[in-house]
Each structure stands twice: as C-alpha cells, then as structure tokens.
Amino acid sequence: MKFASVSSTVSPLVPGARHRSWAWVVLALTLGAGTVWAQENPAPRPEAQWGIGLGADVHQRPYRGVDNEAQAIPLLYYENDWLRLIGPSLELKLPSAGPVALRLKARYSRNGYEASDARYLQGMDERKDAVWLGGEAVWRTSVVNLSAELLSDASGYSDGLQFKLQADRHWGFGRFHLTPRLAAIQLDRAYVDYYYGVKASEARNDRPRYEGASTLNLELGLRLDYGLRPAQNLFLDLRGSRLGDTITDSPLVERASPAGLVLGYLYRF
C-alpha cells in the first residue's frame, strides 16, 4: 500500500507554449494588491487551529495498463488568519481585495509514473511528481463561489503551467454539508507533452512517438461532510474528469474519463 498526502482540443485559456513567467507575473500582481489592501485594512491577530485524521484515496489513472490505486492518507490540518495547510496544499492568505480573497499556493501533485507501473510503460523514462507554485483569487457570493488559480511547475520537471476556473456551492442541512463543484483546467503544451508524450527514444511498434499540445480538462466533483461532534468530521469527496483530446490521443492513455473518491475522518483540536 502506498502512502501519500491529500486534494478535446480547444482554444487555450492561457495562450502560448512556455509560460513559467506568467505565474510569477500573477504572483507579483496578487502580492502587490494584497500589500496595498493590508496597509489600509490591518488584519486581526491570527488564532491557530490544528487537526489530524486519516483517509483513503481510491482513483483511476488514465495510463494504459495501470491498475486502479488505493492509498492510505494521513491527514494534517493547520489554519490561522494567514496560513492554511491541508494535505498536500499550503496556502498563504493575503488580505482580501474587497470581496475577493487572494492566496499564494504551493501544492504537491502525484501525476507521474514509472516504467514498472505497467507492462505497456516499459521502456519509458520516469515522469516525476512535482511541486506547483502560484496564486489563487476566490470570489464568494450568496449564489456561488468562483475561483481562478494559476500554478507553475516549480520542480522544473515539465516546465508546465496549469490554469483552473472553478465554481462551487455549499449547502448545510444540520450536521450534513453538501458542496458540488465544476472546474475547467487548462494545461499547456509543456505539461501535456511531459506526462503524456512519447519521445523518439521511447517509441516502438505499438507505441508511436507522440508530442502533446495544450488542452482543456473538465472536472465534476461532490463533497459530503458529516459532523459527528463539534470537533470531529467525516467526509466523502467524489470526482470525475473528462480529459482533453490531446491527452486522450496519446498512445499512453486508455481512460478518457478517470474517476476517484476520498473518504476520511478529521479531528480538530
């Protein structure tokens, strides 16, 4: 059992092929806006909250011949007025710009594979997991929450960039809470080519050379929370994706719509 921390060809949402500088532009603009707002609106003194828990992540991977994975997930949660840590994501909360919350983000993403993961992948070079850095803006309204997130591969493996637009809505029914979400995720050429491309040195008769291009994934999710006690929470997160055409056209891919779920328990101190 593995252990890990928890989470069609179209005109690209972010134009061009190499965009590592775009992420730093967004970070600079986000940080600048937050600094100006902080000078006019001092933040309250932070109060910390801790939490620990355990979960299980069961999910499909799109690669040909790779079995479904089940992973035990140790959960660590920490949050105050400036910082939020949950699973593989770390957020630095900047002062809000009016109704828009601004955050700097770091996230560890397990997108890679090894040649030993499937017989079909034998002869492929390893594709490594990565740490992603960037920024997010969240606008919460009485009808829906909207967010925009731009992340760049800080590990330097893919030199890729991903841009996500998401809409979600929360409902509470006593101890039950329901949060559906819909997201569109733009992946640039460097990302798709690294994780789904086939280099000339990796090609063979049943695995032709393939060069990836930018694409758009769609994701639909639903989170269910149940409060056992004020400090204890059970949650179930269901998710399904529709991969873009330049991913599904790759000879490495056999699932166009991978799905998964996370089931867990969290205790807050």
C-alpha atoms as a PDB file:
ATOM      1  CA  MET A   1       0.000   0.000   0.000  1.00  0.00           C
ATOM      2  CA  LYS A   2       1.305   3.435  -0.906  1.00  0.00           C
ATOM      3  CA  PHE A   3       1.155   6.416   1.399  1.00  0.00           C
ATOM      4  CA  ALA A   4       0.541   9.922   0.211  1.00  0.00           C
ATOM      5  CA  SER A   5      -0.773  13.298   1.353  1.00  0.00           C
ATOM      6  CA  VAL A   6      -4.286  14.585   0.374  1.00  0.00           C
ATOM      7  CA  SER A   7      -6.600  17.006  -2.747  1.00  0.00           C
ATOM      8  CA  SER A   8     -10.656  17.979 -26.558  1.00  0.00           C
ATOM      9  CA  THR A   9      -8.600  20.446 -28.279  1.00  0.00           C
ATOM     10  CA  VAL A  10      -9.854  23.948 -27.658  1.00  0.00           C
ATOM     11  CA  SER A  11      -8.507  27.460 -27.796  1.00  0.00           C
ATOM     12  CA  PRO A  12      -6.231  27.684 -24.766  1.00  0.00           C
ATOM     13  CA  LEU A  13      -7.263  29.782 -21.792  1.00  0.00           C
ATOM     14  CA  VAL A  14      -3.614  30.769 -21.432  1.00  0.00           C
ATOM     15  CA  PRO A  15      -2.020  31.357 -24.870  1.00  0.00           C
ATOM     16  CA  GLY A  16       1.374  30.076 -25.952  1.00  0.00           C
ATOM     17  CA  ALA A  17       3.581  27.136 -25.041  1.00  0.00           C
ATOM     18  CA  ARG A  18       6.006  28.167 -22.300  1.00  0.00           C
ATOM     19  CA  HIS A  19       4.555  30.261 -19.525  1.00  0.00           C
ATOM     20  CA  ARG A  20       6.638  29.936 -16.391  1.00  0.00           C
ATOM     21  CA  SER A  21       6.941  33.749 -16.343  1.00  0.00           C
ATOM     22  CA  TRP A  22       3.137  34.115 -16.358  1.00  0.00           C
ATOM     23  CA  ALA A  23       2.909  32.516 -12.913  1.00  0.00           C
ATOM     24  CA  TRP A  24       5.398  34.969 -11.467  1.00  0.00           C
ATOM     25  CA  VAL A  25       3.514  37.893 -13.041  1.00  0.00           C
ATOM     26  CA  VAL A  26       0.325  36.703 -11.372  1.00  0.00           C
ATOM     27  CA  LEU A  27       2.152  36.258  -8.067  1.00  0.00           C
ATOM     28  CA  ALA A  28       3.566  39.784  -8.264  1.00  0.00           C
ATOM     29  CA  LEU A  29       0.180  41.322  -9.072  1.00  0.00           C
ATOM     30  CA  THR A  30      -1.529  39.296  -6.349  1.00  0.00           C
ATOM     31  CA  LEU A  31       1.100  40.175  -3.753  1.00  0.00           C
ATOM     32  CA  GLY A  32       1.057  43.831  -4.762  1.00  0.00           C
ATOM     33  CA  ALA A  33      -2.722  44.091  -4.478  1.00  0.00           C
ATOM     34  CA  GLY A  34      -2.658  42.338  -1.110  1.00  0.00           C
ATOM     35  CA  THR A  35       0.062  44.636   0.227  1.00  0.00           C
ATOM     36  CA  VAL A  36      -1.849  47.791  -0.711  1.00  0.00           C
ATOM     37  CA  TRP A  37      -5.022  46.465   0.887  1.00  0.00           C
ATOM     38  CA  ALA A  38      -3.131  45.415   4.036  1.00  0.00           C
ATOM     39  CA  GLN A  39      -1.846  48.960   4.530  1.00  0.00           C
ATOM     40  CA  GLU A  40      -5.426  50.268   4.509  1.00  0.00           C
ATOM     41  CA  ASN A  41      -7.024  47.365   6.416  1.00  0.00           C
ATOM     42  CA  PRO A  42      -4.877  45.845   9.218  1.00  0.00           C
ATOM     43  CA  ALA A  43      -5.637  42.143   9.767  1.00  0.00           C
ATOM     44  CA  PRO A  44      -6.788  40.733  13.128  1.00  0.00           C
ATOM     45  CA  ARG A  45      -4.439  38.716  15.278  1.00  0.00           C
ATOM     46  CA  PRO A  46      -4.338  35.115  13.995  1.00  0.00           C
ATOM     47  CA  GLU A  47      -5.806  32.263  16.035  1.00  0.00           C
ATOM     48  CA  ALA A  48      -4.462  28.814  15.167  1.00  0.00           C
ATOM     49  CA  GLN A  49      -6.451  25.596  14.768  1.00  0.00           C
ATOM     50  CA  TRP A  50      -4.979  22.119  14.426  1.00  0.00           C
ATOM     51  CA  GLY A  51      -6.396  18.874  13.105  1.00  0.00           C
ATOM     52  CA  ILE A  52      -5.278  15.318  12.398  1.00  0.00           C
ATOM     53  CA  GLY A  53      -7.007  12.450  10.676  1.00  0.00           C
ATOM     54  CA  LEU A  54      -6.854   9.503   8.333  1.00  0.00           C
ATOM     55  CA  GLY A  55      -8.340   8.847   4.933  1.00  0.00           C
ATOM     56  CA  ALA A  56      -8.321   6.594   1.899  1.00  0.00           C
ATOM     57  CA  ASP A  57      -7.946   7.676  -1.731  1.00  0.00           C
ATOM     58  CA  VAL A  58      -9.225   5.305  -4.431  1.00  0.00           C
ATOM     59  CA  HIS A  59      -8.783   6.503  -8.002  1.00  0.00           C
ATOM     60  CA  GLN A  60      -8.306   5.518 -11.610  1.00  0.00           C
ATOM     61  CA  ARG A  61      -5.239   6.555 -13.579  1.00  0.00           C
ATOM     62  CA  PRO A  62      -5.510   7.270 -17.303  1.00  0.00           C
ATOM     63  CA  TYR A  63      -2.394   5.361 -18.361  1.00  0.00           C
ATOM     64  CA  ARG A  64      -2.699   2.164 -20.368  1.00  0.00           C
ATOM     65  CA  GLY A  65      -2.381  -0.987 -18.281  1.00  0.00           C
ATOM     66  CA  VAL A  66      -2.078   0.853 -14.935  1.00  0.00           C
ATOM     67  CA  ASP A  67      -4.415  -0.575 -12.292  1.00  0.00           C
ATOM     68  CA  ASN A  68      -6.673   1.479 -10.054  1.00  0.00           C
ATOM     69  CA  GLU A  69      -4.870   2.722  -6.952  1.00  0.00           C
ATOM     70  CA  ALA A  70      -5.897   2.699  -3.295  1.00  0.00           C
ATOM     71  CA  GLN A  71      -3.823   4.783  -0.898  1.00  0.00           C
ATOM     72  CA  ALA A  72      -3.895   5.379   2.829  1.00  0.00           C
ATOM     73  CA  ILE A  73      -3.763   9.115   3.564  1.00  0.00           C
ATOM     74  CA  PRO A  74      -2.515  10.574   6.844  1.00  0.00           C
ATOM     75  CA  LEU A  75      -4.177  13.978   7.210  1.00  0.00           C
ATOM     76  CA  LEU A  76      -2.631  17.042   8.822  1.00  0.00           C
ATOM     77  CA  TYR A  77      -4.566  20.292   9.094  1.00  0.00           C
ATOM     78  CA  TYR A  78      -3.448  23.694  10.371  1.00  0.00           C
ATOM     79  CA  GLU A  79      -5.053  27.095   9.876  1.00  0.00           C
ATOM     80  CA  ASN A  80      -4.864  30.628  11.188  1.00  0.00           C
ATOM     81  CA  ASP A  81      -5.677  34.018   9.686  1.00  0.00           C
ATOM     82  CA  TRP A  82      -2.591  33.902   7.456  1.00  0.00           C
ATOM     83  CA  LEU A  83      -1.811  30.251   6.758  1.00  0.00           C
ATOM     84  CA  ARG A  84      -3.712  27.113   5.783  1.00  0.00           C
ATOM     85  CA  LEU A  85      -2.244  23.609   5.472  1.00  0.00           C
ATOM     86  CA  ILE A  86      -4.416  20.688   4.420  1.00  0.00           C
ATOM     87  CA  GLY A  87      -2.906  17.524   2.965  1.00  0.00           C
ATOM     88  CA  PRO A  88      -0.589  18.343   0.047  1.00  0.00           C
ATOM     89  CA  SER A  89      -1.617  22.028  -0.196  1.00  0.00           C
ATOM     90  CA  LEU A  90      -0.175  25.045   1.614  1.00  0.00           C
ATOM     91  CA  GLU A  91      -1.810  28.482   1.293  1.00  0.00           C
ATOM     92  CA  LEU A  92      -0.587  31.894   2.375  1.00  0.00           C
ATOM     93  CA  LYS A  93      -3.629  34.118   2.837  1.00  0.00           C
ATOM     94  CA  LEU A  94      -3.159  37.661   1.638  1.00  0.00           C
ATOM     95  CA  PRO A  95      -5.502  40.420   2.814  1.00  0.00           C
ATOM     96  CA  SER A  96      -8.656  40.428   0.715  1.00  0.00           C
ATOM     97  CA  ALA A  97      -9.110  42.955  -2.073  1.00  0.00           C
ATOM     98  CA  GLY A  98     -12.716  43.876  -1.417  1.00  0.00           C
ATOM     99  CA  PRO A  99     -14.869  40.744  -1.883  1.00  0.00           C
ATOM    100  CA  VAL A 100     -12.010  38.798  -3.488  1.00  0.00           C
ATOM    101  CA  ALA A 101      -9.779  36.603  -1.301  1.00  0.00           C
ATOM    102  CA  LEU A 102      -6.162  36.357  -2.517  1.00  0.00           C
ATOM    103  CA  ARG A 103      -3.796  33.480  -1.786  1.00  0.00           C
ATOM    104  CA  LEU A 104      -0.316  32.282  -2.639  1.00  0.00           C
ATOM    105  CA  LYS A 105      -0.284  28.494  -3.010  1.00  0.00           C
ATOM    106  CA  ALA A 106       2.048  25.519  -3.028  1.00  0.00           C
ATOM    107  CA  ARG A 107       0.806  22.031  -3.842  1.00  0.00           C
ATOM    108  CA  TYR A 108       2.399  18.633  -4.268  1.00  0.00           C
ATOM    109  CA  SER A 109       0.838  16.717  -7.148  1.00  0.00           C
ATOM    110  CA  ARG A 110       1.211  12.985  -7.866  1.00  0.00           C
ATOM    111  CA  ASN A 111       0.906  12.950 -11.657  1.00  0.00           C
ATOM    112  CA  GLY A 112       3.997  10.962 -12.533  1.00  0.00           C
ATOM    113  CA  TYR A 113       4.639   7.307 -13.289  1.00  0.00           C
ATOM    114  CA  GLU A 114       7.439   4.759 -13.502  1.00  0.00           C
ATOM    115  CA  ALA A 115       8.071   2.250 -16.271  1.00  0.00           C
ATOM    116  CA  SER A 116       7.394  -0.540 -13.758  1.00  0.00           C
ATOM    117  CA  ASP A 117       3.812   0.663 -13.206  1.00  0.00           C
ATOM    118  CA  ALA A 118       2.588  -1.257 -16.280  1.00  0.00           C
ATOM    119  CA  ARG A 119       3.959  -3.569 -18.962  1.00  0.00           C
ATOM    120  CA  TYR A 120       2.976  -1.080 -21.656  1.00  0.00           C
ATOM    121  CA  LEU A 121       5.118   1.619 -19.996  1.00  0.00           C
ATOM    122  CA  GLN A 122       8.301  -0.465 -20.086  1.00  0.00           C
ATOM    123  CA  GLY A 123      10.992   1.477 -21.911  1.00  0.00           C
ATOM    124  CA  MET A 124       9.521   4.847 -20.946  1.00  0.00           C
ATOM    125  CA  ASP A 125      11.550   7.287 -18.876  1.00  0.00           C
ATOM    126  CA  GLU A 126      10.176   8.095 -15.429  1.00  0.00           C
ATOM    127  CA  ARG A 127       7.779  11.043 -15.209  1.00  0.00           C
ATOM    128  CA  LYS A 128       8.228  12.662 -11.818  1.00  0.00           C
ATOM    129  CA  ASP A 129       5.706  14.088  -9.364  1.00  0.00           C
ATOM    130  CA  ALA A 130       6.006  17.844  -8.938  1.00  0.00           C
ATOM    131  CA  VAL A 131       5.588  20.775  -6.574  1.00  0.00           C
ATOM    132  CA  TRP A 132       3.419  23.544  -8.034  1.00  0.00           C
ATOM    133  CA  LEU A 133       3.549  27.200  -7.011  1.00  0.00           C
ATOM    134  CA  GLY A 134       1.223  30.035  -7.917  1.00  0.00           C
ATOM    135  CA  GLY A 135      -1.701  32.152  -6.838  1.00  0.00           C
ATOM    136  CA  GLU A 136      -5.474  31.993  -6.461  1.00  0.00           C
ATOM    137  CA  ALA A 137      -8.297  34.508  -6.321  1.00  0.00           C
ATOM    138  CA  VAL A 138     -11.638  33.500  -4.747  1.00  0.00           C
ATOM    139  CA  TRP A 139     -14.874  35.469  -5.005  1.00  0.00           C
ATOM    140  CA  ARG A 140     -17.594  34.255  -2.635  1.00  0.00           C
ATOM    141  CA  THR A 141     -21.168  35.309  -3.380  1.00  0.00           C
ATOM    142  CA  SER A 142     -24.566  34.355  -1.969  1.00  0.00           C
ATOM    143  CA  VAL A 143     -25.216  32.244  -5.080  1.00  0.00           C
ATOM    144  CA  VAL A 144     -21.905  30.604  -5.996  1.00  0.00           C
ATOM    145  CA  ASN A 145     -18.208  30.689  -5.155  1.00  0.00           C
ATOM    146  CA  LEU A 146     -15.875  31.421  -8.077  1.00  0.00           C
ATOM    147  CA  SER A 147     -12.119  30.880  -8.109  1.00  0.00           C
ATOM    148  CA  ALA A 148      -9.241  31.274 -10.554  1.00  0.00           C
ATOM    149  CA  GLU A 149      -5.924  29.503  -9.937  1.00  0.00           C
ATOM    150  CA  LEU A 150      -2.649  29.687 -11.851  1.00  0.00           C
ATOM    151  CA  LEU A 151       0.157  27.252 -10.950  1.00  0.00           C
ATOM    152  CA  SER A 152       3.625  26.667 -12.390  1.00  0.00           C
ATOM    153  CA  ASP A 153       5.816  23.568 -12.044  1.00  0.00           C
ATOM    154  CA  ALA A 154       8.388  24.758  -9.509  1.00  0.00           C
ATOM    155  CA  SER A 155      10.215  21.410  -9.630  1.00  0.00           C
ATOM    156  CA  GLY A 156      11.281  22.095 -13.217  1.00  0.00           C
ATOM    157  CA  TYR A 157      10.441  18.601 -14.480  1.00  0.00           C
ATOM    158  CA  SER A 158       7.783  19.552 -17.014  1.00  0.00           C
ATOM    159  CA  ASP A 159       8.193  23.371 -17.052  1.00  0.00           C
ATOM    160  CA  GLY A 160       4.405  23.212 -17.324  1.00  0.00           C
ATOM    161  CA  LEU A 161       1.617  25.544 -16.371  1.00  0.00           C
ATOM    162  CA  GLN A 162      -1.986  24.919 -15.377  1.00  0.00           C
ATOM    163  CA  PHE A 163      -4.854  27.386 -15.066  1.00  0.00           C
ATOM    164  CA  LYS A 164      -8.129  26.435 -13.356  1.00  0.00           C
ATOM    165  CA  LEU A 165     -11.510  28.134 -13.189  1.00  0.00           C
ATOM    166  CA  GLN A 166     -13.910  26.639 -10.660  1.00  0.00           C
ATOM    167  CA  ALA A 167     -17.466  27.223  -9.472  1.00  0.00           C
ATOM    168  CA  ASP A 168     -18.838  25.597  -6.312  1.00  0.00           C
ATOM    169  CA  ARG A 169     -21.822  25.960  -3.992  1.00  0.00           C
ATOM    170  CA  HIS A 170     -22.207  24.948  -0.334  1.00  0.00           C
ATOM    171  CA  TRP A 171     -25.401  23.837   1.389  1.00  0.00           C
ATOM    172  CA  GLY A 172     -25.824  22.900   5.060  1.00  0.00           C
ATOM    173  CA  PHE A 173     -28.537  20.590   6.431  1.00  0.00           C
ATOM    174  CA  GLY A 174     -27.922  20.264  10.146  1.00  0.00           C
ATOM    175  CA  ARG A 175     -24.892  18.037  10.539  1.00  0.00           C
ATOM    176  CA  PHE A 176     -24.742  17.339   6.807  1.00  0.00           C
ATOM    177  CA  HIS A 177     -22.949  19.616   4.350  1.00  0.00           C
ATOM    178  CA  LEU A 178     -23.013  19.306   0.580  1.00  0.00           C
ATOM    179  CA  THR A 179     -20.608  21.053  -1.838  1.00  0.00           C
ATOM    180  CA  PRO A 180     -20.811  20.328  -5.591  1.00  0.00           C
ATOM    181  CA  ARG A 181     -18.172  21.836  -7.893  1.00  0.00           C
ATOM    182  CA  LEU A 182     -17.412  22.216 -11.581  1.00  0.00           C
ATOM    183  CA  ALA A 183     -13.961  23.128 -12.914  1.00  0.00           C
ATOM    184  CA  ALA A 184     -12.221  23.737 -16.238  1.00  0.00           C
ATOM    185  CA  ILE A 185      -8.460  23.139 -16.168  1.00  0.00           C
ATOM    186  CA  GLN A 186      -6.227  24.433 -18.959  1.00  0.00           C
ATOM    187  CA  LEU A 187      -2.924  22.555 -19.324  1.00  0.00           C
ATOM    188  CA  ASP A 188      -0.175  23.978 -21.510  1.00  0.00           C
ATOM    189  CA  ARG A 189       1.856  22.113 -24.123  1.00  0.00           C
ATOM    190  CA  ALA A 190       4.828  21.510 -21.824  1.00  0.00           C
ATOM    191  CA  TYR A 191       2.627  19.803 -19.192  1.00  0.00           C
ATOM    192  CA  VAL A 192       0.818  17.553 -21.684  1.00  0.00           C
ATOM    193  CA  ASP A 193       3.993  16.650 -23.567  1.00  0.00           C
ATOM    194  CA  TYR A 194       5.868  15.716 -20.390  1.00  0.00           C
ATOM    195  CA  TYR A 195       3.205  13.488 -18.814  1.00  0.00           C
ATOM    196  CA  TYR A 196       1.545  12.087 -21.951  1.00  0.00           C
ATOM    197  CA  GLY A 197       4.104  12.461 -24.739  1.00  0.00           C
ATOM    198  CA  VAL A 198       6.318   9.713 -26.192  1.00  0.00           C
ATOM    199  CA  LYS A 199       9.869  10.693 -27.137  1.00  0.00           C
ATOM    200  CA  ALA A 200      11.645   9.228 -30.164  1.00  0.00           C
ATOM    201  CA  SER A 201      13.877   7.189 -27.841  1.00  0.00           C
ATOM    202  CA  GLU A 202      10.763   5.699 -26.172  1.00  0.00           C
ATOM    203  CA  ALA A 203       8.819   4.845 -29.336  1.00  0.00           C
ATOM    204  CA  ARG A 204       8.233   1.268 -30.521  1.00  0.00           C
ATOM    205  CA  ASN A 205       5.851  -0.500 -32.925  1.00  0.00           C
ATOM    206  CA  ASP A 206       2.835  -0.398 -30.585  1.00  0.00           C
ATOM    207  CA  ARG A 207       3.812   2.941 -29.034  1.00  0.00           C
ATOM    208  CA  PRO A 208       4.457   5.588 -31.697  1.00  0.00           C
ATOM    209  CA  ARG A 209       6.184   8.865 -30.999  1.00  0.00           C
ATOM    210  CA  TYR A 210       3.709  11.447 -29.706  1.00  0.00           C
ATOM    211  CA  GLU A 211       4.085  15.146 -28.978  1.00  0.00           C
ATOM    212  CA  GLY A 212       1.495  16.700 -26.703  1.00  0.00           C
ATOM    213  CA  ALA A 213      -0.250  20.041 -27.121  1.00  0.00           C
ATOM    214  CA  SER A 214      -2.230  22.303 -24.811  1.00  0.00           C
ATOM    215  CA  THR A 215      -5.705  21.114 -23.866  1.00  0.00           C
ATOM    216  CA  LEU A 216      -8.643  21.603 -21.525  1.00  0.00           C
ATOM    217  CA  ASN A 217      -9.836  19.106 -18.897  1.00  0.00           C
ATOM    218  CA  LEU A 218     -13.251  19.263 -17.260  1.00  0.00           C
ATOM    219  CA  GLU A 219     -13.834  18.089 -13.686  1.00  0.00           C
ATOM    220  CA  LEU A 220     -17.049  17.472 -11.764  1.00  0.00           C
ATOM    221  CA  GLY A 221     -16.932  16.847  -8.024  1.00  0.00           C
ATOM    222  CA  LEU A 222     -19.119  16.481  -4.948  1.00  0.00           C
ATOM    223  CA  ARG A 223     -18.036  16.724  -1.302  1.00  0.00           C
ATOM    224  CA  LEU A 224     -20.189  15.406   1.543  1.00  0.00           C
ATOM    225  CA  ASP A 225     -19.385  16.300   5.162  1.00  0.00           C
ATOM    226  CA  TYR A 226     -20.974  14.954   8.337  1.00  0.00           C
ATOM    227  CA  GLY A 227     -20.228  16.431  11.756  1.00  0.00           C
ATOM    228  CA  LEU A 228     -20.024  13.615  14.299  1.00  0.00           C
ATOM    229  CA  ARG A 229     -19.257  16.112  17.066  1.00  0.00           C
ATOM    230  CA  PRO A 230     -18.192  19.778  17.039  1.00  0.00           C
ATOM    231  CA  ALA A 231     -14.524  18.763  16.659  1.00  0.00           C
ATOM    232  CA  GLN A 232     -14.981  15.628  14.533  1.00  0.00           C
ATOM    233  CA  ASN A 233     -15.832  15.390  10.853  1.00  0.00           C
ATOM    234  CA  LEU A 234     -16.386  12.600   8.339  1.00  0.00           C
ATOM    235  CA  PHE A 235     -16.104  13.473   4.659  1.00  0.00           C
ATOM    236  CA  LEU A 236     -16.511  11.857   1.255  1.00  0.00           C
ATOM    237  CA  ASP A 237     -15.195  13.564  -1.878  1.00  0.00           C
ATOM    238  CA  LEU A 238     -16.250  12.174  -5.271  1.00  0.00           C
ATOM    239  CA  ARG A 239     -14.637  13.363  -8.502  1.00  0.00           C
ATOM    240  CA  GLY A 240     -14.713  12.615 -12.196  1.00  0.00           C
ATOM    241  CA  SER A 241     -12.785  14.152 -15.102  1.00  0.00           C
ATOM    242  CA  ARG A 242     -13.124  14.420 -18.848  1.00  0.00           C
ATOM    243  CA  LEU A 243      -9.632  14.603 -20.331  1.00  0.00           C
ATOM    244  CA  GLY A 244      -8.885  16.835 -23.316  1.00  0.00           C
ATOM    245  CA  ASP A 245      -8.307  15.450 -26.815  1.00  0.00           C
ATOM    246  CA  THR A 246      -4.534  15.934 -26.867  1.00  0.00           C
ATOM    247  CA  ILE A 247      -4.332  13.733 -23.762  1.00  0.00           C
ATOM    248  CA  THR A 248      -6.751  11.019 -24.911  1.00  0.00           C
ATOM    249  CA  ASP A 249      -4.997  10.912 -28.328  1.00  0.00           C
ATOM    250  CA  SER A 250      -1.765   9.847 -26.596  1.00  0.00           C
ATOM    251  CA  PRO A 251      -0.902   6.155 -27.063  1.00  0.00           C
ATOM    252  CA  LEU A 252      -0.188   6.043 -23.322  1.00  0.00           C
ATOM    253  CA  VAL A 253      -3.813   6.772 -22.383  1.00  0.00           C
ATOM    254  CA  GLU A 254      -6.740   4.346 -22.301  1.00  0.00           C
ATOM    255  CA  ARG A 255      -9.189   6.147 -19.964  1.00  0.00           C
ATOM    256  CA  ALA A 256     -10.780   9.366 -21.166  1.00  0.00           C
ATOM    257  CA  SER A 257     -12.855   9.877 -18.008  1.00  0.00           C
ATOM    258  CA  PRO A 258     -10.974   8.728 -14.884  1.00  0.00           C
ATOM    259  CA  ALA A 259     -12.815   8.948 -11.563  1.00  0.00           C
ATOM    260  CA  GLY A 260     -11.959   8.681  -7.892  1.00  0.00           C
ATOM    261  CA  LEU A 261     -13.025   9.238  -4.315  1.00  0.00           C
ATOM    262  CA  VAL A 262     -11.510  10.233  -0.986  1.00  0.00           C
ATOM    263  CA  LEU A 263     -13.063   9.062   2.290  1.00  0.00           C
ATOM    264  CA  GLY A 264     -11.692  10.417   5.550  1.00  0.00           C
ATOM    265  CA  TYR A 265     -12.011  11.405   9.190  1.00  0.00           C
ATOM    266  CA  LEU A 266     -10.612  14.643  10.679  1.00  0.00           C
ATOM    267  CA  TYR A 267     -10.377  15.669  14.341  1.00  0.00           C
ATOM    268  CA  ARG A 268      -9.855  19.366  15.095  1.00  0.00           C
ATOM    269  CA  PHE A 269      -8.309  20.431  18.395  1.00  0.00           C
END
